């Protein structure tokens, strides 16, 4: 079950993990809670959510990104590519967007040592 998780935007360094070919309105209608925010001079619409009370993730659409897309972000401290892949799959399944994943970080995309410390 997905629920809104407020107050984590400034405490977690979210990293993009997948792009979903669905407009922001699709998620707003189903989940609510989206706000207009800014980080490092970039404006976006987004919100942070919790899956099953344990997995935090963010959905964001930045100004200038292709229309009709939303990016799934996970905590940058999650570095294991298998864990990332499983988390993205769980989120996509819960949101019923498995067939709309336009891009996802591949398990072989970056060696473990290339992730931020």
Protein backbone atom coordinates (compact mmCIF):
# COMPACT_ATOMS: atom_id res chain seq x y z
CA UNK A 1 0.00 0.00 0.00
CA UNK A 2 1.28 3.46 -0.93
CA UNK A 3 0.84 6.40 1.43
CA UNK A 4 1.99 10.01 1.40
CA UNK A 5 5.16 10.65 3.45
CA UNK A 6 5.66 14.33 4.29
CA UNK A 7 8.83 15.95 5.61
CA UNK A 8 11.47 13.79 3.95
CA UNK A 9 12.24 15.97 0.90
CA UNK A 10 15.09 17.85 2.61
CA UNK A 11 16.46 14.90 4.60
CA UNK A 12 16.95 12.33 1.84
CA UNK A 13 19.19 12.60 -1.21
CA UNK A 14 16.86 11.08 -3.79
CA UNK A 15 18.42 9.58 -6.93
CA UNK A 16 16.50 8.94 -10.19
CA UNK A 17 15.94 5.25 -10.86
CA UNK A 18 13.17 5.00 -13.50
CA UNK A 19 11.10 7.15 -15.83
CA UNK A 20 7.41 6.38 -16.23
CA UNK A 21 5.59 7.45 -19.40
CA UNK A 22 2.55 8.81 -17.56
CA UNK A 23 1.62 12.44 -16.90
CA UNK A 24 1.87 13.86 -13.39
CA UNK A 25 -1.94 14.11 -13.30
CA UNK A 26 -2.21 10.32 -13.48
CA UNK A 27 -0.39 10.06 -10.14
CA UNK A 28 -2.01 13.13 -8.56
CA UNK A 29 -5.45 11.68 -9.22
CA UNK A 30 -4.50 8.36 -7.62
CA UNK A 31 -2.22 9.50 -4.79
CA UNK A 32 -2.76 13.21 -4.16
CA UNK A 33 -0.29 15.28 -2.21
CA UNK A 34 1.82 16.68 -5.06
CA UNK A 35 3.38 20.09 -4.47
CA UNK A 36 5.38 22.59 -6.50
CA UNK A 37 8.91 22.64 -5.04
CA UNK A 38 12.47 23.68 -5.85
CA UNK A 39 15.86 22.06 -5.27
CA UNK A 40 19.21 23.45 -6.41
CA UNK A 41 17.39 26.04 -8.57
CA UNK A 42 15.29 23.41 -10.38
CA UNK A 43 11.50 23.53 -10.07
CA UNK A 44 9.38 20.39 -10.01
CA UNK A 45 6.04 18.95 -9.06
CA UNK A 46 6.37 16.02 -6.75
CA UNK A 47 5.78 14.21 -3.52
CA UNK A 48 7.37 11.59 -1.30
CA UNK A 49 5.61 8.32 -0.57
CA UNK A 50 6.02 5.19 1.48
CA UNK A 51 5.36 1.70 0.14
CA UNK A 52 4.12 -0.69 2.83
CA UNK A 53 5.38 1.71 5.51
CA UNK A 54 9.02 0.93 4.81
CA UNK A 55 10.26 1.91 1.34
CA UNK A 56 10.44 5.67 0.80
CA UNK A 57 10.38 6.95 -2.76
CA UNK A 58 9.62 10.17 -4.57
CA UNK A 59 7.71 10.86 -7.76
CA UNK A 60 8.80 14.03 -9.54
CA UNK A 61 8.36 15.89 -12.80
CA UNK A 62 10.92 18.65 -13.28
CA UNK A 63 10.30 21.69 -15.46
CA UNK A 64 11.97 21.05 -18.82
CA UNK A 65 11.66 17.26 -18.63
CA UNK A 66 9.57 15.64 -21.36
CA UNK A 67 5.84 16.19 -20.94
CA UNK A 68 3.87 13.13 -19.90
CA UNK A 69 6.66 11.63 -17.80
CA UNK A 70 7.33 11.18 -14.09
CA UNK A 71 10.56 9.95 -12.53
CA UNK A 72 10.77 7.48 -9.66
CA UNK A 73 13.48 8.43 -7.14
CA UNK A 74 14.91 6.28 -4.37
CA UNK A 75 17.10 7.15 -1.40
CA UNK A 76 20.69 7.55 -2.64
CA UNK A 77 21.85 5.36 0.26
CA UNK A 78 20.30 2.38 -1.52
CA UNK A 79 23.28 1.34 -3.63
CA UNK A 80 22.79 -2.33 -4.37
CA UNK A 81 21.53 -2.51 -7.96
CA UNK A 82 19.52 -5.64 -7.25
CA UNK A 83 17.73 -3.89 -4.39
CA UNK A 84 17.11 -0.86 -6.62
CA UNK A 85 15.69 -3.02 -9.39
CA UNK A 86 13.41 -4.88 -6.97
CA UNK A 87 12.21 -1.63 -5.39
CA UNK A 88 11.39 -0.06 -8.76
CA UNK A 89 9.50 -3.20 -9.76
CA UNK A 90 7.48 -3.17 -6.52
CA UNK A 91 6.63 0.52 -6.91
CA UNK A 92 5.67 0.11 -10.57
CA UNK A 93 3.47 -2.88 -9.76
CA UNK A 94 1.71 -1.04 -6.93
CA UNK A 95 1.14 1.98 -9.19
CA UNK A 96 0.06 -0.31 -12.05
CA UNK A 97 2.58 1.24 -14.46
CA UNK A 98 4.83 -1.74 -15.23
CA UNK A 99 4.14 -1.36 -18.96
CA UNK A 100 4.80 2.40 -18.86
CA UNK A 101 8.43 2.25 -17.65
CA UNK A 102 10.30 4.22 -20.31
CA UNK A 103 13.75 3.90 -18.70
CA UNK A 104 15.14 2.25 -15.60
CA UNK A 105 18.60 2.05 -14.15
CA UNK A 106 20.00 -1.24 -15.33
CA UNK A 107 21.76 -3.47 -12.79
CA UNK A 108 24.93 -3.13 -14.84
CA UNK A 109 24.60 0.63 -15.48
CA UNK A 110 27.12 1.69 -12.84
CA UNK A 111 29.53 -0.40 -10.81
CA UNK A 112 28.84 -0.30 -7.09
CA UNK A 113 31.91 1.91 -6.55
CA UNK A 114 30.52 4.60 -8.88
CA UNK A 115 27.57 5.40 -6.63
CA UNK A 116 27.91 8.35 -4.30
CA UNK A 117 29.38 7.57 -0.92
